Amino acid sequence: MERENAKGSLTKKHSESFDLIIKEIGFENAKKICRIVGGDNVYVPMVETLERPLRDQMIRDEFTGYNLRELASKYNKSVATIRYICKDIIKKKRVQPMSGQLNLFDTESNKSP
C-alpha cells in the first residue's frame, strides 16, 4: 500500500519482498498472510527445506538395499546422500541374519540330537 507523506510524495509501507508475494499469490491471499502473521518477524524457509522431509521419505520408501545409484540418479543426489538418508534402514538390514542363516547363539539350534 502506498501512503502520502508530509511532503506529498508517495511512499510504500511494505517491502519489495512483500510486493513480490502480492504479485505471485494475489492481494487477497497476501491479506490472509497479514492477518495470520501481521507485524511479526517471520522466517520464510527455502523451498528445499519444505520439500526435504517428503523427498527423504519417498527415498526411504523406494529403497530396497540394492538401489542406491538408481535413487541417486532419480533424485539428483549423490550416492553418499542417499546412503545417509537411508542409514537407519541400512543399519537394521545389517543386523538381521540372512535368509536361512543359522544363529550361533540360538540355543534351540545348538541342541544335539
Protein backbone atom coordinates (compact mmCIF):
# COMPACT_ATOMS: atom_id res chain seq x y z
CA MET A 1 0.00 0.00 0.00
CA GLU A 2 1.18 3.50 -0.68
CA ARG A 3 0.78 6.47 1.65
CA GLU A 4 1.32 10.12 1.10
CA ASN A 5 3.99 11.54 3.37
CA ALA A 6 4.19 15.11 4.75
CA LYS A 7 5.90 16.35 1.58
CA GLY A 8 3.16 14.96 -0.63
CA SER A 9 5.16 12.16 -2.26
CA LEU A 10 4.04 8.56 -2.17
CA THR A 11 5.96 6.04 -0.07
CA LYS A 12 5.46 2.29 0.33
CA LYS A 13 4.51 0.91 3.71
CA HIS A 14 5.79 -2.61 2.92
CA SER A 15 8.91 -4.21 1.45
CA GLU A 16 9.80 -5.12 -2.10
CA SER A 17 9.71 -8.76 -0.99
CA PHE A 18 6.08 -8.38 0.00
CA ASP A 19 5.37 -6.77 -3.38
CA LEU A 20 6.71 -9.99 -4.95
CA ILE A 21 4.45 -12.07 -2.70
CA ILE A 22 1.42 -9.99 -3.69
CA LYS A 23 2.33 -10.33 -7.35
CA GLU A 24 2.77 -14.12 -7.02
CA ILE A 25 -0.19 -15.11 -4.84
CA GLY A 26 -2.54 -12.14 -5.26
CA PHE A 27 -3.66 -9.36 -2.98
CA GLU A 28 -6.40 -11.33 -1.18
CA ASN A 29 -4.03 -14.18 -0.28
CA ALA A 30 -1.41 -11.65 0.82
CA LYS A 31 -4.02 -10.14 3.13
CA LYS A 32 -4.58 -13.58 4.64
CA ILE A 33 -0.88 -13.79 5.42
CA CYS A 34 -1.09 -10.34 7.01
CA ARG A 35 -3.98 -11.47 9.21
CA ILE A 36 -2.02 -14.51 10.37
CA VAL A 37 1.43 -13.01 10.97
CA GLY A 38 0.99 -9.27 10.50
CA GLY A 39 3.54 -7.30 12.48
CA ASP A 40 5.67 -10.33 13.40
CA ASN A 41 9.13 -11.09 12.13
CA VAL A 42 8.66 -14.35 10.25
CA TYR A 43 11.34 -16.64 8.87
CA VAL A 44 10.34 -18.00 5.47
CA PRO A 45 12.24 -21.20 4.72
CA MET A 46 13.62 -22.04 1.32
CA VAL A 47 11.59 -24.44 -0.81
CA GLU A 48 14.25 -27.16 -0.37
CA THR A 49 13.71 -27.05 3.39
CA LEU A 50 9.98 -27.63 2.98
CA GLU A 51 10.37 -30.39 0.40
CA ARG A 52 13.26 -32.30 2.02
CA PRO A 53 11.27 -34.39 4.57
CA LEU A 54 8.81 -35.56 1.91
CA ARG A 55 11.61 -36.34 -0.57
CA ASP A 56 13.59 -38.23 2.08
CA GLN A 57 10.55 -40.32 3.00
CA MET A 58 9.95 -41.14 -0.66
CA ILE A 59 13.60 -42.24 -0.96
CA ARG A 60 13.27 -44.44 2.16
CA ASP A 61 10.07 -45.97 0.81
CA GLU A 62 11.73 -46.82 -2.52
CA PHE A 63 14.99 -48.09 -1.00
CA THR A 64 15.48 -51.84 -1.49
CA GLY A 65 19.01 -52.17 -0.15
CA TYR A 66 20.42 -52.52 -3.66
CA ASN A 67 19.31 -49.37 -5.48
CA LEU A 68 21.48 -46.56 -4.10
CA ARG A 69 22.71 -45.49 -7.54
CA GLU A 70 19.26 -45.53 -9.09
CA LEU A 71 17.80 -43.39 -6.30
CA ALA A 72 20.76 -41.01 -6.52
CA SER A 73 20.11 -40.56 -10.22
CA LYS A 74 16.34 -40.25 -9.84
CA TYR A 75 16.53 -37.62 -7.09
CA ASN A 76 19.66 -35.88 -8.42
CA LYS A 77 21.61 -36.57 -5.23
CA SER A 78 24.91 -38.28 -4.57
CA VAL A 79 25.09 -41.94 -3.57
CA ALA A 80 26.55 -40.76 -0.24
CA THR A 81 23.49 -38.56 0.35
CA ILE A 82 21.10 -41.43 -0.42
CA ARG A 83 23.11 -43.69 1.90
CA TYR A 84 22.88 -41.04 4.65
CA ILE A 85 19.11 -40.69 4.17
CA CYS A 86 18.70 -44.48 4.37
CA LYS A 87 21.27 -45.08 7.13
CA ASP A 88 18.71 -46.36 9.66
CA ILE A 89 17.30 -48.85 7.16
CA ILE A 90 20.82 -49.99 6.20
CA LYS A 91 21.75 -50.44 9.86
CA LYS A 92 18.65 -52.60 10.50
CA LYS A 93 19.38 -54.75 7.46
CA ARG A 94 22.98 -55.34 8.59
CA VAL A 95 22.00 -56.75 12.00
CA GLN A 96 19.37 -59.11 10.59
CA PRO A 97 20.57 -62.61 9.69
CA MET A 98 20.40 -63.53 6.04
CA SER A 99 17.52 -65.75 4.98
CA GLY A 100 18.31 -69.32 6.03
CA GLN A 101 21.34 -68.30 8.10
CA LEU A 102 21.73 -70.13 11.42
CA ASN A 103 22.12 -68.10 14.59
CA LEU A 104 25.26 -69.02 16.51
CA PHE A 105 23.64 -68.06 19.80
CA ASP A 106 20.24 -69.67 19.24
CA THR A 107 20.07 -72.41 21.90
CA GLU A 108 17.31 -74.33 20.10
CA SER A 109 19.52 -74.73 17.02
CA ASN A 110 22.59 -75.75 19.04
CA LYS A 111 20.95 -78.73 20.82
CA SER A 112 22.40 -82.12 19.93
CA PRO A 113 20.01 -84.79 18.58
